[in-house]
Amino acid sequence: MFRGATSLSLDAKNRLAVPTKHREALLHECGGNLVLTAHPHRCLLLYPQAAWEPIQEKMMALSSFDKQSSALQRLLVGFAEDLSLDSAGRLLVSPVLRDFAGLSKEVMLVGQGSHFELWNMEAWRAQLAHVTQGEQFAMPAELEGFSL
C-alpha cells in the first residue's frame, strides 16, 4: 500500500530516487520491476509490474474502433515503459515521459494505494488548489453518503 506525498528532485541524469520506505516495498512486491506511463491529467503513473499487467489487459480488450477507447490505449499502453530500480533505488525517467508530464528538477511523488502518481511540482500545486476550492469541487455520485 503506497501512501503519502513526497517532494523529490530529478538528478542531472534524470533519475529519480525512490524514498526508502517505498523502495523496500517495491523490491519486496515486484523485485523493483515497474511500469511508468502517461495519465490523461498530464502526470505519470508508476505501477509495480504485477499490478500493471491486469490494467493493460483490460485496456487492450477494449475496441480499437472506438475513438475514446483507442485514445486511452494509445496514452496508457502506448507510453508505458518497463523500468527497474537501480542498485541505489533510482528510476530513469525517459525524455518522452518527462516531456509529456512537463517534469523538470522538482517533482512530487504521490502514493495512490496500488501505485504512484508523479507530478510536475507546479501542476501538482495547481491540482491541489483546484481540489481544495470547495465551491468548484463536487463529490462523485458513487461517494454520496461517504464521510471521513
N, C-alpha and C. Protein backbone atom coordinates (compact mmCIF):
# COMPACT_ATOMS: atom_id res chain seq x y z
N MET A 1 0.85 -1.17 0.00
CA MET A 1 0.00 0.00 0.00
C MET A 1 0.89 1.23 0.00
N PHE A 2 0.79 2.03 -1.04
CA PHE A 2 1.63 3.21 -1.20
C PHE A 2 0.83 4.45 -0.83
N ARG A 3 1.29 5.14 0.21
CA ARG A 3 0.61 6.34 0.71
C ARG A 3 1.61 7.47 0.89
N GLY A 4 1.05 8.67 0.86
CA GLY A 4 1.85 9.85 1.16
C GLY A 4 2.35 10.56 -0.07
N ALA A 5 2.65 11.84 0.11
CA ALA A 5 3.21 12.68 -0.95
C ALA A 5 4.62 13.08 -0.54
N THR A 6 5.55 12.97 -1.48
CA THR A 6 6.95 13.27 -1.21
C THR A 6 7.51 14.15 -2.32
N SER A 7 8.13 15.25 -1.93
CA SER A 7 8.80 16.12 -2.87
C SER A 7 10.17 15.52 -3.19
N LEU A 8 10.46 15.36 -4.47
CA LEU A 8 11.72 14.77 -4.91
C LEU A 8 12.36 15.63 -5.98
N SER A 9 13.61 15.32 -6.28
CA SER A 9 14.32 16.03 -7.35
C SER A 9 14.86 15.02 -8.35
N LEU A 10 14.74 15.36 -9.62
CA LEU A 10 15.41 14.58 -10.66
C LEU A 10 16.88 14.99 -10.63
N ASP A 11 17.77 14.03 -10.72
CA ASP A 11 19.19 14.36 -10.73
C ASP A 11 19.61 14.80 -12.13
N ALA A 12 20.88 15.11 -12.30
CA ALA A 12 21.40 15.62 -13.58
C ALA A 12 21.23 14.61 -14.72
N LYS A 13 21.11 13.32 -14.37
CA LYS A 13 20.92 12.27 -15.39
C LYS A 13 19.45 11.88 -15.52
N ASN A 14 18.56 12.70 -14.94
CA ASN A 14 17.11 12.48 -15.00
C ASN A 14 16.67 11.19 -14.32
N ARG A 15 17.34 10.90 -13.20
CA ARG A 15 16.95 9.77 -12.38
C ARG A 15 16.22 10.29 -11.15
N LEU A 16 15.32 9.47 -10.68
CA LEU A 16 14.51 9.81 -9.51
C LEU A 16 14.81 8.80 -8.42
N ALA A 17 15.22 9.27 -7.25
CA ALA A 17 15.50 8.38 -6.13
C ALA A 17 14.20 8.10 -5.39
N VAL A 18 13.76 6.85 -5.42
CA VAL A 18 12.53 6.46 -4.74
C VAL A 18 12.79 6.47 -3.23
N PRO A 19 11.90 7.08 -2.44
CA PRO A 19 12.10 7.11 -0.98
C PRO A 19 12.27 5.69 -0.42
N THR A 20 13.10 5.57 0.59
CA THR A 20 13.46 4.27 1.16
C THR A 20 12.26 3.43 1.55
N LYS A 21 11.26 4.03 2.22
CA LYS A 21 10.11 3.23 2.65
C LYS A 21 9.37 2.63 1.46
N HIS A 22 9.30 3.33 0.35
CA HIS A 22 8.63 2.80 -0.84
C HIS A 22 9.56 1.85 -1.60
N ARG A 23 10.84 2.15 -1.60
CA ARG A 23 11.82 1.32 -2.29
C ARG A 23 11.79 -0.10 -1.74
N GLU A 24 11.80 -0.21 -0.43
CA GLU A 24 11.78 -1.54 0.20
C GLU A 24 10.51 -2.30 -0.16
N ALA A 25 9.37 -1.61 -0.15
CA ALA A 25 8.10 -2.25 -0.52
C ALA A 25 8.11 -2.68 -1.98
N LEU A 26 8.65 -1.84 -2.85
CA LEU A 26 8.71 -2.19 -4.27
C LEU A 26 9.66 -3.36 -4.54
N LEU A 27 10.76 -3.40 -3.84
CA LEU A 27 11.68 -4.53 -4.01
C LEU A 27 11.02 -5.82 -3.52
N HIS A 28 10.29 -5.74 -2.43
CA HIS A 28 9.62 -6.91 -1.89
C HIS A 28 8.47 -7.36 -2.79
N GLU A 29 7.67 -6.40 -3.26
CA GLU A 29 6.46 -6.72 -4.02
C GLU A 29 6.74 -7.16 -5.46
N CYS A 30 7.69 -6.51 -6.12
CA CYS A 30 7.88 -6.80 -7.54
C CYS A 30 9.34 -6.89 -7.96
N GLY A 31 10.23 -7.03 -7.00
CA GLY A 31 11.64 -7.13 -7.32
C GLY A 31 12.20 -5.87 -7.97
N GLY A 32 11.50 -4.73 -7.79
CA GLY A 32 11.95 -3.47 -8.37
C GLY A 32 11.57 -3.31 -9.83
N ASN A 33 10.75 -4.23 -10.37
CA ASN A 33 10.31 -4.13 -11.76
C ASN A 33 9.01 -3.33 -11.82
N LEU A 34 9.06 -2.22 -12.55
CA LEU A 34 7.96 -1.26 -12.55
C LEU A 34 7.55 -0.89 -13.96
N VAL A 35 6.38 -0.24 -14.05
CA VAL A 35 5.91 0.32 -15.31
C VAL A 35 5.57 1.78 -15.07
N LEU A 36 6.09 2.64 -15.92
CA LEU A 36 5.83 4.07 -15.87
C LEU A 36 5.08 4.45 -17.14
N THR A 37 3.96 5.17 -16.99
CA THR A 37 3.18 5.53 -18.16
C THR A 37 2.51 6.89 -17.98
N ALA A 38 1.90 7.37 -19.05
CA ALA A 38 1.22 8.66 -19.06
C ALA A 38 -0.20 8.53 -18.53
N HIS A 39 -0.71 9.62 -17.97
CA HIS A 39 -2.09 9.70 -17.48
C HIS A 39 -2.75 10.90 -18.16
N PRO A 40 -4.06 10.84 -18.42
CA PRO A 40 -4.73 11.96 -19.09
C PRO A 40 -4.61 13.30 -18.35
N HIS A 41 -4.33 13.29 -17.06
CA HIS A 41 -4.19 14.54 -16.30
C HIS A 41 -2.80 15.16 -16.44
N ARG A 42 -1.98 14.64 -17.35
CA ARG A 42 -0.62 15.11 -17.62
C ARG A 42 0.35 14.85 -16.47
N CYS A 43 0.08 13.81 -15.72
CA CYS A 43 1.05 13.31 -14.75
C CYS A 43 1.48 11.93 -15.25
N LEU A 44 2.35 11.28 -14.50
CA LEU A 44 2.77 9.92 -14.85
C LEU A 44 2.27 8.96 -13.78
N LEU A 45 2.03 7.73 -14.17
CA LEU A 45 1.63 6.67 -13.25
C LEU A 45 2.78 5.69 -13.13
N LEU A 46 3.10 5.30 -11.91
CA LEU A 46 4.17 4.34 -11.64
C LEU A 46 3.56 3.14 -10.93
N TYR A 47 3.58 1.99 -11.58
CA TYR A 47 2.98 0.77 -11.05
C TYR A 47 4.02 -0.31 -10.85
N PRO A 48 3.89 -1.12 -9.79
CA PRO A 48 4.63 -2.38 -9.77
C PRO A 48 4.17 -3.18 -11.00
N GLN A 49 5.08 -3.87 -11.65
CA GLN A 49 4.74 -4.54 -12.90
C GLN A 49 3.55 -5.49 -12.75
N ALA A 50 3.49 -6.24 -11.68
CA ALA A 50 2.39 -7.20 -11.49
C ALA A 50 1.04 -6.49 -11.36
N ALA A 51 1.02 -5.31 -10.77
CA ALA A 51 -0.23 -4.56 -10.64
C ALA A 51 -0.64 -3.93 -11.97
N TRP A 52 0.32 -3.64 -12.83
CA TRP A 52 0.04 -3.02 -14.12
C TRP A 52 -0.55 -4.01 -15.13
N GLU A 53 -0.10 -5.25 -15.11
CA GLU A 53 -0.50 -6.23 -16.13
C GLU A 53 -2.01 -6.37 -16.28
N PRO A 54 -2.81 -6.50 -15.19
CA PRO A 54 -4.27 -6.61 -15.39
C PRO A 54 -4.88 -5.34 -15.99
N ILE A 55 -4.30 -4.19 -15.69
CA ILE A 55 -4.80 -2.93 -16.26
C ILE A 55 -4.55 -2.92 -17.76
N GLN A 56 -3.37 -3.32 -18.16
CA GLN A 56 -3.05 -3.37 -19.59
C GLN A 56 -3.96 -4.35 -20.31
N GLU A 57 -4.22 -5.50 -19.70
CA GLU A 57 -5.11 -6.48 -20.32
C GLU A 57 -6.50 -5.90 -20.54
N LYS A 58 -7.03 -5.20 -19.54
CA LYS A 58 -8.35 -4.58 -19.67
C LYS A 58 -8.35 -3.52 -20.77
N MET A 59 -7.31 -2.73 -20.82
CA MET A 59 -7.23 -1.69 -21.84
C MET A 59 -7.18 -2.30 -23.24
N MET A 60 -6.41 -3.35 -23.41
CA MET A 60 -6.27 -3.94 -24.74
C MET A 60 -7.48 -4.77 -25.14
N ALA A 61 -8.35 -5.09 -24.19
CA ALA A 61 -9.59 -5.81 -24.52
C ALA A 61 -10.66 -4.86 -25.07
N LEU A 62 -10.45 -3.56 -24.92
CA LEU A 62 -11.40 -2.58 -25.45
C LEU A 62 -11.29 -2.51 -26.97
N SER A 63 -12.35 -2.06 -27.61
CA SER A 63 -12.36 -1.96 -29.07
C SER A 63 -11.41 -0.88 -29.56
N SER A 64 -10.58 -1.24 -30.49
CA SER A 64 -9.69 -0.24 -31.09
C SER A 64 -10.43 0.62 -32.11
N PHE A 65 -11.69 0.28 -32.40
CA PHE A 65 -12.50 1.08 -33.33
C PHE A 65 -13.25 2.20 -32.62
N ASP A 66 -13.34 2.13 -31.29
CA ASP A 66 -13.98 3.17 -30.52
C ASP A 66 -12.94 4.27 -30.28
N LYS A 67 -13.29 5.52 -30.63
CA LYS A 67 -12.32 6.62 -30.56
C LYS A 67 -11.80 6.84 -29.14
N GLN A 68 -12.69 6.83 -28.15
CA GLN A 68 -12.25 7.07 -26.77
C GLN A 68 -11.39 5.93 -26.26
N SER A 69 -11.78 4.70 -26.54
CA SER A 69 -11.01 3.54 -26.09
C SER A 69 -9.62 3.53 -26.73
N SER A 70 -9.58 3.77 -28.04
CA SER A 70 -8.28 3.72 -28.71
C SER A 70 -7.38 4.88 -28.26
N ALA A 71 -7.98 6.03 -27.93
CA ALA A 71 -7.18 7.14 -27.42
C ALA A 71 -6.56 6.78 -26.07
N LEU A 72 -7.34 6.14 -25.20
CA LEU A 72 -6.80 5.71 -23.91
C LEU A 72 -5.74 4.63 -24.09
N GLN A 73 -5.95 3.71 -25.02
CA GLN A 73 -4.95 2.67 -25.29
C GLN A 73 -3.64 3.31 -25.73
N ARG A 74 -3.74 4.28 -26.63
CA ARG A 74 -2.52 4.95 -27.10
C ARG A 74 -1.78 5.64 -25.96
N LEU A 75 -2.55 6.26 -25.09
CA LEU A 75 -1.95 7.00 -23.99
C LEU A 75 -1.36 6.06 -22.94
N LEU A 76 -2.20 5.20 -22.38
CA LEU A 76 -1.77 4.36 -21.25
C LEU A 76 -0.81 3.25 -21.66
N VAL A 77 -1.13 2.54 -22.72
CA VAL A 77 -0.28 1.42 -23.15
C VAL A 77 0.84 1.91 -24.07
N GLY A 78 0.50 2.86 -24.93
CA GLY A 78 1.50 3.36 -25.88
C GLY A 78 2.69 4.04 -25.22
N PHE A 79 2.45 4.72 -24.10
CA PHE A 79 3.54 5.40 -23.39
C PHE A 79 4.19 4.52 -22.32
N ALA A 80 3.62 3.35 -22.04
CA ALA A 80 4.13 2.51 -20.94
C ALA A 80 5.57 2.06 -21.20
N GLU A 81 6.38 2.19 -20.16
CA GLU A 81 7.78 1.77 -20.23
C GLU A 81 8.09 0.88 -19.04
N ASP A 82 8.78 -0.22 -19.30
CA ASP A 82 9.25 -1.10 -18.24
C ASP A 82 10.53 -0.51 -17.65
N LEU A 83 10.57 -0.41 -16.33
CA LEU A 83 11.73 0.13 -15.63
C LEU A 83 12.13 -0.80 -14.50
N SER A 84 13.35 -0.66 -14.06
CA SER A 84 13.83 -1.38 -12.89
C SER A 84 14.56 -0.40 -11.99
N LEU A 85 14.38 -0.57 -10.69
CA LEU A 85 15.17 0.22 -9.74
C LEU A 85 16.63 -0.15 -9.91
N ASP A 86 17.52 0.84 -9.92
CA ASP A 86 18.94 0.51 -9.97
C ASP A 86 19.42 0.17 -8.56
N SER A 87 20.70 -0.11 -8.41
CA SER A 87 21.23 -0.55 -7.11
C SER A 87 21.11 0.53 -6.03
N ALA A 88 20.94 1.80 -6.44
CA ALA A 88 20.77 2.90 -5.48
C ALA A 88 19.30 3.26 -5.29
N GLY A 89 18.38 2.47 -5.87
CA GLY A 89 16.96 2.72 -5.71
C GLY A 89 16.44 3.87 -6.56
N ARG A 90 17.07 4.08 -7.72
CA ARG A 90 16.66 5.17 -8.60
C ARG A 90 15.99 4.62 -9.85
N LEU A 91 15.15 5.48 -10.45
CA LEU A 91 14.49 5.18 -11.72
C LEU A 91 14.92 6.23 -12.74
N LEU A 92 15.17 5.79 -13.96
CA LEU A 92 15.48 6.71 -15.04
C LEU A 92 14.18 7.06 -15.75
N VAL A 93 13.84 8.35 -15.78
CA VAL A 93 12.62 8.81 -16.44
C VAL A 93 12.99 9.25 -17.85
N SER A 94 12.38 8.61 -18.84
CA SER A 94 12.73 8.87 -20.24
C SER A 94 12.37 10.28 -20.67
N PRO A 95 13.04 10.79 -21.71
CA PRO A 95 12.72 12.13 -22.22
C PRO A 95 11.26 12.24 -22.68
N VAL A 96 10.72 11.19 -23.28
CA VAL A 96 9.34 11.23 -23.78
C VAL A 96 8.36 11.43 -22.62
N LEU A 97 8.54 10.68 -21.55
CA LEU A 97 7.62 10.80 -20.40
C LEU A 97 7.88 12.09 -19.63
N ARG A 98 9.12 12.52 -19.51
CA ARG A 98 9.41 13.82 -18.86
C ARG A 98 8.72 14.94 -19.61
N ASP A 99 8.81 14.90 -20.93
CA ASP A 99 8.19 15.93 -21.75
C ASP A 99 6.67 15.88 -21.61
N PHE A 100 6.09 14.70 -21.65
CA PHE A 100 4.63 14.57 -21.54
C PHE A 100 4.11 15.22 -20.26
N ALA A 101 4.77 14.94 -19.14
CA ALA A 101 4.31 15.44 -17.84
C ALA A 101 4.93 16.79 -17.47
N GLY A 102 5.80 17.32 -18.30
CA GLY A 102 6.44 18.59 -18.01
C GLY A 102 7.35 18.53 -16.79
N LEU A 103 7.99 17.39 -16.58
CA LEU A 103 8.86 17.24 -15.40
C LEU A 103 10.16 17.98 -15.60
N SER A 104 10.54 18.69 -14.55
CA SER A 104 11.84 19.34 -14.52
C SER A 104 12.51 18.88 -13.23
N LYS A 105 13.26 19.72 -12.60
CA LYS A 105 14.01 19.31 -11.40
C LYS A 105 13.11 18.88 -10.25
N GLU A 106 12.13 19.70 -9.88
CA GLU A 106 11.26 19.39 -8.74
C GLU A 106 10.04 18.60 -9.19
N VAL A 107 9.80 17.46 -8.54
CA VAL A 107 8.63 16.64 -8.83
C VAL A 107 7.98 16.19 -7.53
N MET A 108 6.75 15.75 -7.64
CA MET A 108 6.02 15.25 -6.47
C MET A 108 5.62 13.80 -6.75
N LEU A 109 5.96 12.92 -5.83
CA LEU A 109 5.58 11.50 -5.89
C LEU A 109 4.43 11.31 -4.91
N VAL A 110 3.28 10.87 -5.43
CA VAL A 110 2.06 10.79 -4.62
C VAL A 110 1.56 9.34 -4.62
N GLY A 111 1.52 8.74 -3.42
CA GLY A 111 1.02 7.38 -3.29
C GLY A 111 -0.48 7.32 -3.53
N GLN A 112 -0.90 6.30 -4.27
CA GLN A 112 -2.31 6.11 -4.60
C GLN A 112 -2.76 4.69 -4.27
N GLY A 113 -2.21 4.12 -3.21
CA GLY A 113 -2.59 2.76 -2.81
C GLY A 113 -1.79 1.72 -3.57
N SER A 114 -2.26 1.37 -4.77
CA SER A 114 -1.60 0.33 -5.56
C SER A 114 -0.49 0.86 -6.45
N HIS A 115 -0.39 2.17 -6.57
CA HIS A 115 0.58 2.79 -7.48
C HIS A 115 0.89 4.21 -7.02
N PHE A 116 1.70 4.90 -7.81
CA PHE A 116 2.07 6.29 -7.54
C PHE A 116 1.70 7.17 -8.72
N GLU A 117 1.48 8.44 -8.43
CA GLU A 117 1.44 9.46 -9.46
C GLU A 117 2.72 10.27 -9.33
N LEU A 118 3.23 10.72 -10.46
CA LEU A 118 4.43 11.54 -10.49
C LEU A 118 4.06 12.83 -11.22
N TRP A 119 4.18 13.97 -10.50
CA TRP A 119 3.70 15.25 -10.99
C TRP A 119 4.82 16.27 -11.11
N ASN A 120 4.72 17.12 -12.11
CA ASN A 120 5.48 18.36 -12.16
C ASN A 120 5.02 19.17 -10.94
N MET A 121 5.92 19.80 -10.23
CA MET A 121 5.58 20.47 -8.98
C MET A 121 4.52 21.56 -9.17
N GLU A 122 4.65 22.35 -10.19
CA GLU A 122 3.66 23.41 -10.42
C GLU A 122 2.29 22.82 -10.77
N ALA A 123 2.26 21.76 -11.57
CA ALA A 123 0.99 21.11 -11.91
C ALA A 123 0.36 20.50 -10.66
N TRP A 124 1.20 19.95 -9.77
CA TRP A 124 0.70 19.39 -8.52
C TRP A 124 0.05 20.49 -7.67
N ARG A 125 0.71 21.62 -7.55
CA ARG A 125 0.16 22.73 -6.77
C ARG A 125 -1.17 23.21 -7.37
N ALA A 126 -1.24 23.27 -8.69
CA ALA A 126 -2.49 23.68 -9.35
C ALA A 126 -3.59 22.66 -9.09
N GLN A 127 -3.23 21.38 -9.12
CA GLN A 127 -4.20 20.30 -8.85
C GLN A 127 -4.73 20.43 -7.42
N LEU A 128 -3.86 20.67 -6.48
CA LEU A 128 -4.28 20.84 -5.08
C LEU A 128 -5.18 22.05 -4.91
N ALA A 129 -4.82 23.15 -5.56
CA ALA A 129 -5.64 24.36 -5.46
C ALA A 129 -7.04 24.10 -6.00
N HIS A 130 -7.12 23.37 -7.10
CA HIS A 130 -8.43 23.06 -7.69
C HIS A 130 -9.27 22.19 -6.76
N VAL A 131 -8.66 21.18 -6.17
CA VAL A 131 -9.38 20.26 -5.29
C VAL A 131 -9.81 20.93 -3.99
N THR A 132 -9.01 21.84 -3.49
CA THR A 132 -9.32 22.44 -2.19
C THR A 132 -10.25 23.64 -2.28
N GLN A 133 -10.60 24.05 -3.47
CA GLN A 133 -11.59 25.13 -3.63
C GLN A 133 -12.97 24.49 -3.55
N GLY A 134 -13.57 24.57 -2.38
CA GLY A 134 -14.82 23.87 -2.08
C GLY A 134 -15.94 24.06 -3.08
N GLU A 135 -16.13 25.27 -3.59
CA GLU A 135 -17.24 25.51 -4.50
C GLU A 135 -17.07 24.81 -5.84
N GLN A 136 -15.84 24.62 -6.27
CA GLN A 136 -15.61 24.01 -7.57
C GLN A 136 -15.42 22.49 -7.49
N PHE A 137 -15.41 21.96 -6.30
CA PHE A 137 -15.18 20.53 -6.13
C PHE A 137 -16.50 19.84 -5.84
N ALA A 138 -16.90 18.96 -6.70
CA ALA A 138 -18.14 18.20 -6.50
C ALA A 138 -17.80 16.74 -6.24
N MET A 139 -18.43 16.16 -5.24
CA MET A 139 -18.20 14.75 -4.93
C MET A 139 -18.80 13.88 -6.03
N PRO A 140 -18.10 12.85 -6.45
CA PRO A 140 -18.67 11.91 -7.42
C PRO A 140 -19.90 11.23 -6.83
N ALA A 141 -20.84 10.86 -7.69
CA ALA A 141 -22.09 10.24 -7.25
C ALA A 141 -21.84 8.99 -6.41
N GLU A 142 -20.82 8.22 -6.76
CA GLU A 142 -20.57 6.98 -6.01
C GLU A 142 -20.09 7.22 -4.57
N LEU A 143 -19.77 8.47 -4.24
CA LEU A 143 -19.36 8.80 -2.87
C LEU A 143 -20.45 9.49 -2.05
N GLU A 144 -21.65 9.56 -2.59
CA GLU A 144 -22.74 10.14 -1.81
C GLU A 144 -22.91 9.37 -0.52
N GLY A 145 -23.04 10.09 0.58
CA GLY A 145 -23.21 9.45 1.89
C GLY A 145 -21.89 9.06 2.54
N PHE A 146 -20.78 9.20 1.83
CA PHE A 146 -19.46 8.86 2.38
C PHE A 146 -19.01 9.96 3.33
N SER A 147 -18.43 9.56 4.44
CA SER A 147 -17.89 10.56 5.36
C SER A 147 -16.55 10.09 5.90
N LEU A 148 -15.78 11.03 6.35
CA LEU A 148 -14.47 10.72 6.93
C LEU A 148 -14.53 10.87 8.43
